[in-house]
Amino acid sequence: MEYAVLAIAVSFAVANNFFLRKFQNRDVNNVGDSLVFNAGISVIWVAIIFIWGLISNKGWFFPTSTATFYGVLYGLNLSMFLLFKCQSFVSGPVSLSALIGSCGFIIATIFSTIYNKESMGVIQIIGMCLMIASIYMCINPKKSGMKLTTQWKIYAFLFFCTGGMIGVINKLFQSSSAKEEIDSMMLVASITSAVVLTVVGFGLNKAFKKPAPKISVRNFSFVGACGVVSCVYNRLNVFLAGALPGVILFPVSNGCLIFASSILGVLFFKEKLSVSQKLGIVFGFISIILIGCF
């Protein structure tokens, strides 16, 4: 059952990438606009989780102090992840930034092996190395000739760290006394994220003397679509953090997302894969087999 849930989570994550690809940052003129767009997505999370709580009648609207703590922690980290992702994309090569962010699963995987005493065999280590190589081949950072500034390196490193911390926080939450309060935790997280992203978005635009950030009317549909699918896959990922070993969950889910998104680009956006990218997808599937089956 866990692997079926994993497949569903990856499918919704791919759908999120599809909507973002269609969105193409239209009418987004600065960092503040981007952050407020993501704040809008967090508001959709609040609505979905609130309605789900009323329907399921689990009493999640009374979170314990532990659930509240992890919700605030998750929301703050998610906000910083989106901020550093945006800043690294703006200040340096997008493809290389995406590669570094994609490798954040390494942090979560190493944490799982130490904190949860999960075993990692030689074949799985080989599989992880092969996956990193295959992600590199799929994203192909050599396409960009942008200069790598010190500022970009800092943002990219923080993007990598906060990406990895999402998995770490999920693991810590699932080993806490509040592990049954997933919806309560995510409600607190989504409220925290919405508030932080809005405040930071307005603050940055004011500091850089830009107009107040906004979401254009024609982008509301993308906020709604991305909000729904991202809420579902993140909710499932929190559950999976307690149901599957991190050495399997984090590399496989992250790798499947990258490879599926590459195929999505070919099928729906007429993108052409280079020989290197095709080999990267093949190596990616082999790495997933090595990690998940041995």
Protein backbone atom coordinates (compact mmCIF):
# COMPACT_ATOMS: atom_id res chain seq x y z
CA MET A 1 0.00 0.00 0.00
CA GLU A 2 2.82 2.44 0.88
CA TYR A 3 4.28 2.16 -2.62
CA ALA A 4 0.87 2.89 -4.14
CA VAL A 5 0.67 6.03 -1.98
CA LEU A 6 4.20 6.94 -3.09
CA ALA A 7 3.13 6.60 -6.74
CA ILE A 8 0.14 8.87 -6.11
CA ALA A 9 2.32 11.44 -4.32
CA VAL A 10 4.80 11.51 -7.20
CA SER A 11 1.94 11.84 -9.70
CA PHE A 12 0.58 14.90 -7.91
CA ALA A 13 4.10 16.36 -7.64
CA VAL A 14 4.51 15.91 -11.41
CA ALA A 15 1.12 17.59 -11.93
CA ASN A 16 2.38 20.50 -9.83
CA ASN A 17 5.44 20.82 -12.09
CA PHE A 18 3.13 20.69 -15.11
CA PHE A 19 1.05 23.62 -13.85
CA LEU A 20 4.16 25.61 -12.94
CA ARG A 21 5.57 24.93 -16.40
CA LYS A 22 2.34 26.24 -17.96
CA PHE A 23 2.43 29.22 -15.61
CA GLN A 24 5.94 30.25 -16.70
CA ASN A 25 6.03 33.09 -14.15
CA ARG A 26 3.70 35.21 -16.30
CA ASP A 27 2.98 38.63 -14.77
CA VAL A 28 5.65 37.94 -12.14
CA ASN A 29 7.95 40.95 -12.28
CA ASN A 30 10.01 40.62 -9.11
CA VAL A 31 10.81 38.41 -6.11
CA GLY A 32 7.91 39.82 -4.12
CA ASP A 33 5.41 38.78 -6.80
CA SER A 34 6.83 35.25 -6.76
CA LEU A 35 6.66 34.96 -2.97
CA VAL A 36 3.11 36.32 -2.80
CA PHE A 37 2.10 33.84 -5.54
CA ASN A 38 3.40 31.04 -3.29
CA ALA A 39 1.66 32.64 -0.30
CA GLY A 40 -1.57 32.32 -2.28
CA ILE A 41 -0.85 28.62 -2.74
CA SER A 42 -0.41 28.29 1.03
CA VAL A 43 -3.82 29.93 1.51
CA ILE A 44 -5.31 27.21 -0.72
CA TRP A 45 -3.67 24.67 1.60
CA VAL A 46 -5.37 26.31 4.57
CA ALA A 47 -8.77 26.07 2.88
CA ILE A 48 -8.33 22.44 1.80
CA ILE A 49 -7.05 21.20 5.16
CA PHE A 50 -9.70 23.18 7.05
CA ILE A 51 -12.52 21.73 4.93
CA TRP A 52 -11.01 18.25 5.17
CA GLY A 53 -10.87 18.61 8.95
CA LEU A 54 -14.54 19.54 9.11
CA ILE A 55 -15.53 16.61 6.89
CA SER A 56 -13.38 14.04 8.68
CA ASN A 57 -14.28 15.46 12.11
CA LYS A 58 -10.88 14.62 13.62
CA GLY A 59 -10.71 17.65 15.82
CA TRP A 60 -7.51 18.81 14.18
CA PHE A 61 -8.43 22.43 14.89
CA PHE A 62 -7.18 21.85 18.45
CA PRO A 63 -3.52 20.96 17.73
CA THR A 64 -1.31 19.96 20.61
CA SER A 65 1.76 22.03 21.44
CA THR A 66 3.94 19.42 19.72
CA ALA A 67 1.90 19.52 16.51
CA THR A 68 1.98 23.32 16.63
CA PHE A 69 5.76 23.32 17.06
CA TYR A 70 6.33 21.08 14.05
CA GLY A 71 3.76 23.01 12.03
CA VAL A 72 5.55 26.30 12.64
CA LEU A 73 8.91 24.64 11.93
CA TYR A 74 7.61 23.08 8.70
CA GLY A 75 5.99 26.35 7.60
CA LEU A 76 9.10 28.44 8.28
CA ASN A 77 11.35 25.99 6.46
CA LEU A 78 8.95 25.79 3.51
CA SER A 79 8.92 29.59 3.31
CA MET A 80 12.71 29.79 3.34
CA PHE A 81 12.93 26.96 0.79
CA LEU A 82 10.71 28.89 -1.64
CA LEU A 83 12.59 32.14 -0.97
CA PHE A 84 16.05 30.66 -1.59
CA LYS A 85 14.76 28.73 -4.60
CA CYS A 86 13.47 31.96 -6.11
CA GLN A 87 16.64 33.89 -5.28
CA SER A 88 18.96 31.20 -6.65
CA PHE A 89 16.96 31.05 -9.89
CA VAL A 90 17.12 34.84 -10.23
CA SER A 91 20.81 35.27 -9.38
CA GLY A 92 22.31 32.30 -11.25
CA PRO A 93 21.75 29.48 -13.76
CA VAL A 94 18.30 27.94 -13.35
CA SER A 95 19.37 24.45 -14.44
CA LEU A 96 22.29 24.25 -12.02
CA SER A 97 20.14 25.69 -9.23
CA ALA A 98 17.50 23.04 -9.91
CA LEU A 99 20.17 20.33 -9.83
CA ILE A 100 21.47 21.47 -6.45
CA GLY A 101 17.95 21.73 -5.04
CA SER A 102 17.09 18.26 -6.35
CA CYS A 103 20.02 16.78 -4.46
CA GLY A 104 18.58 17.94 -1.13
CA PHE A 105 17.31 14.39 -0.64
CA ILE A 106 20.88 13.45 0.32
CA ILE A 107 20.50 15.37 3.61
CA ALA A 108 17.22 13.67 4.48
CA THR A 109 18.54 10.24 3.51
CA ILE A 110 21.70 10.55 5.61
CA PHE A 111 19.63 11.84 8.53
CA SER A 112 17.32 8.81 8.30
CA THR A 113 20.21 6.35 8.37
CA ILE A 114 21.61 7.99 11.51
CA TYR A 115 18.51 9.08 13.45
CA ASN A 116 16.27 6.12 12.63
CA LYS A 117 19.17 3.66 12.37
CA GLU A 118 18.07 2.64 8.88
CA SER A 119 20.52 0.42 7.08
CA MET A 120 22.04 1.43 3.75
CA GLY A 121 23.78 -1.29 1.75
CA VAL A 122 26.57 -0.89 -0.76
CA ILE A 123 24.15 -1.39 -3.67
CA GLN A 124 21.89 1.39 -2.36
CA ILE A 125 24.86 3.74 -2.05
CA ILE A 126 25.78 2.92 -5.65
CA GLY A 127 22.16 3.55 -6.60
CA MET A 128 22.21 6.99 -4.94
CA CYS A 129 25.44 7.96 -6.70
CA LEU A 130 23.97 6.79 -10.01
CA MET A 131 20.83 8.82 -9.31
CA ILE A 132 22.83 12.01 -8.69
CA ALA A 133 24.67 11.42 -11.97
CA SER A 134 21.40 10.76 -13.81
CA ILE A 135 19.81 13.95 -12.41
CA TYR A 136 22.86 15.87 -13.63
CA MET A 137 22.42 14.36 -17.09
CA CYS A 138 18.67 15.14 -17.16
CA ILE A 139 18.95 18.75 -16.03
CA ASN A 140 22.14 19.38 -18.01
CA PRO A 141 23.51 22.46 -16.19
CA LYS A 142 26.14 23.03 -18.92
CA LYS A 143 23.42 24.67 -21.02
CA SER A 144 23.78 27.84 -18.98
CA GLY A 145 26.77 30.11 -19.39
CA MET A 146 25.90 32.42 -16.49
CA LYS A 147 28.64 33.44 -14.10
CA LEU A 148 28.51 31.79 -10.68
CA THR A 149 28.58 34.67 -8.19
CA THR A 150 29.23 34.40 -4.45
CA GLN A 151 25.66 35.55 -3.85
CA TRP A 152 24.28 32.75 -6.02
CA LYS A 153 26.45 30.15 -4.26
CA ILE A 154 25.02 31.19 -0.89
CA TYR A 155 21.44 31.07 -2.14
CA ALA A 156 22.00 27.70 -3.87
CA PHE A 157 23.53 26.22 -0.72
CA LEU A 158 20.60 27.44 1.40
CA PHE A 159 18.18 26.12 -1.25
CA PHE A 160 19.89 22.73 -0.95
CA CYS A 161 19.77 22.77 2.87
CA THR A 162 16.14 23.84 3.23
CA GLY A 163 15.09 21.31 0.59
CA GLY A 164 16.74 18.53 2.55
CA MET A 165 15.27 19.80 5.82
CA ILE A 166 11.72 19.21 4.57
CA GLY A 167 12.38 15.47 4.71
CA VAL A 168 14.19 15.77 8.05
CA ILE A 169 11.26 17.63 9.63
CA ASN A 170 8.82 15.04 8.27
CA LYS A 171 10.88 12.25 9.82
CA LEU A 172 11.15 14.04 13.17
CA PHE A 173 7.41 14.71 13.20
CA GLN A 174 6.61 11.08 12.44
CA SER A 175 8.72 9.96 15.40
CA SER A 176 7.04 12.45 17.78
CA SER A 177 4.02 12.06 20.04
CA ALA A 178 1.97 14.15 17.58
CA LYS A 179 2.49 11.88 14.56
CA GLU A 180 -1.27 11.21 14.29
CA GLU A 181 -1.97 14.97 13.98
CA ILE A 182 -0.78 15.35 10.39
CA ASP A 183 -3.68 17.57 9.38
CA SER A 184 -3.30 19.79 12.44
CA MET A 185 0.41 20.16 11.80
CA MET A 186 -0.10 20.99 8.14
CA LEU A 187 -2.80 23.53 8.94
CA VAL A 188 -0.39 25.38 11.23
CA ALA A 189 2.37 25.01 8.62
CA SER A 190 0.25 26.45 5.79
CA ILE A 191 -0.86 29.43 7.90
CA THR A 192 2.76 30.06 8.93
CA SER A 193 3.97 29.81 5.34
CA ALA A 194 1.25 32.15 4.02
CA VAL A 195 2.04 34.81 6.62
CA VAL A 196 5.83 34.58 6.32
CA LEU A 197 5.86 34.62 2.50
CA THR A 198 3.51 37.60 2.39
CA VAL A 199 5.51 39.59 4.94
CA VAL A 200 8.86 38.76 3.31
CA GLY A 201 7.48 39.46 -0.18
CA PHE A 202 6.22 42.92 0.76
CA GLY A 203 9.37 43.58 2.81
CA LEU A 204 11.78 42.70 0.00
CA ASN A 205 9.92 44.76 -2.57
CA LYS A 206 9.89 47.73 -0.24
CA ALA A 207 13.61 47.32 0.49
CA PHE A 208 14.42 47.16 -3.24
CA LYS A 209 11.99 50.01 -3.99
CA LYS A 210 9.73 47.84 -6.13
CA PRO A 211 5.94 48.12 -6.41
CA ALA A 212 3.87 46.24 -3.83
CA PRO A 213 3.71 42.55 -4.85
CA LYS A 214 0.50 41.24 -6.34
CA ILE A 215 -1.11 38.25 -8.01
CA SER A 216 -2.72 39.07 -11.35
CA VAL A 217 -6.32 37.97 -11.85
CA ARG A 218 -5.42 35.62 -14.70
CA ASN A 219 -3.02 33.75 -12.39
CA PHE A 220 -5.68 32.83 -9.84
CA SER A 221 -6.39 29.58 -11.69
CA PHE A 222 -2.73 28.56 -11.37
CA VAL A 223 -2.74 29.42 -7.67
CA GLY A 224 -5.76 27.16 -7.24
CA ALA A 225 -4.41 24.29 -9.33
CA CYS A 226 -0.93 24.37 -7.78
CA GLY A 227 -2.45 24.76 -4.33
CA VAL A 228 -4.60 21.63 -4.66
CA VAL A 229 -1.97 19.28 -6.11
CA SER A 230 0.89 20.52 -3.90
CA CYS A 231 -1.26 20.17 -0.79
CA VAL A 232 -2.08 16.56 -1.67
CA TYR A 233 1.46 15.44 -2.42
CA ASN A 234 2.96 17.18 0.59
CA ARG A 235 0.27 15.69 2.84
CA LEU A 236 1.07 12.23 1.46
CA ASN A 237 4.82 12.82 1.88
CA VAL A 238 4.34 13.52 5.59
CA PHE A 239 2.51 10.20 5.92
CA LEU A 240 5.15 8.35 3.87
CA ALA A 241 7.95 9.70 6.10
CA GLY A 242 6.59 7.45 8.83
CA ALA A 243 5.66 4.53 6.59
CA LEU A 244 8.80 4.02 4.46
CA PRO A 245 12.53 4.03 5.22
CA GLY A 246 14.10 7.35 4.29
CA VAL A 247 16.79 5.59 2.25
CA ILE A 248 14.01 4.47 -0.09
CA LEU A 249 11.50 7.32 0.17
CA PHE A 250 13.65 10.38 -0.42
CA PRO A 251 15.84 9.23 -3.34
CA VAL A 252 13.04 7.36 -5.12
CA SER A 253 10.39 10.10 -4.80
CA ASN A 254 12.83 12.84 -5.78
CA GLY A 255 14.31 10.86 -8.65
CA CYS A 256 10.92 9.81 -10.03
CA LEU A 257 9.81 13.45 -9.97
CA ILE A 258 12.81 14.62 -12.01
CA PHE A 259 12.58 11.83 -14.57
CA ALA A 260 8.79 12.04 -14.92
CA SER A 261 9.01 15.81 -15.35
CA SER A 262 11.57 15.33 -18.14
CA ILE A 263 9.20 12.95 -19.93
CA LEU A 264 6.33 15.39 -19.31
CA GLY A 265 8.27 18.08 -21.13
CA VAL A 266 8.56 15.87 -24.19
CA LEU A 267 4.91 14.79 -24.23
CA PHE A 268 3.19 18.11 -23.51
CA PHE A 269 5.67 20.89 -24.24
CA LYS A 270 7.40 19.53 -27.35
CA GLU A 271 10.78 19.58 -25.63
CA LYS A 272 13.49 17.47 -27.22
CA LEU A 273 15.70 15.27 -25.07
CA SER A 274 19.40 15.10 -25.84
CA VAL A 275 21.23 11.77 -25.86
CA SER A 276 22.63 12.65 -22.44
CA GLN A 277 19.14 13.29 -21.04
CA LYS A 278 17.79 10.04 -22.47
CA LEU A 279 20.65 8.12 -20.89
CA GLY A 280 20.02 10.03 -17.66
CA ILE A 281 16.42 8.78 -17.55
CA VAL A 282 17.55 5.20 -18.20
CA PHE A 283 20.21 5.42 -15.49
CA GLY A 284 17.60 7.01 -13.21
CA PHE A 285 15.27 4.04 -13.49
CA ILE A 286 18.17 1.67 -12.83
CA SER A 287 19.14 3.68 -9.74
CA ILE A 288 15.55 3.53 -8.43
CA ILE A 289 15.58 -0.26 -8.83
CA LEU A 290 18.89 -0.49 -6.98
CA ILE A 291 17.70 1.73 -4.13
CA GLY A 292 14.24 0.25 -3.74
CA CYS A 293 14.84 -3.43 -4.29
CA PHE A 294 18.11 -4.20 -2.46
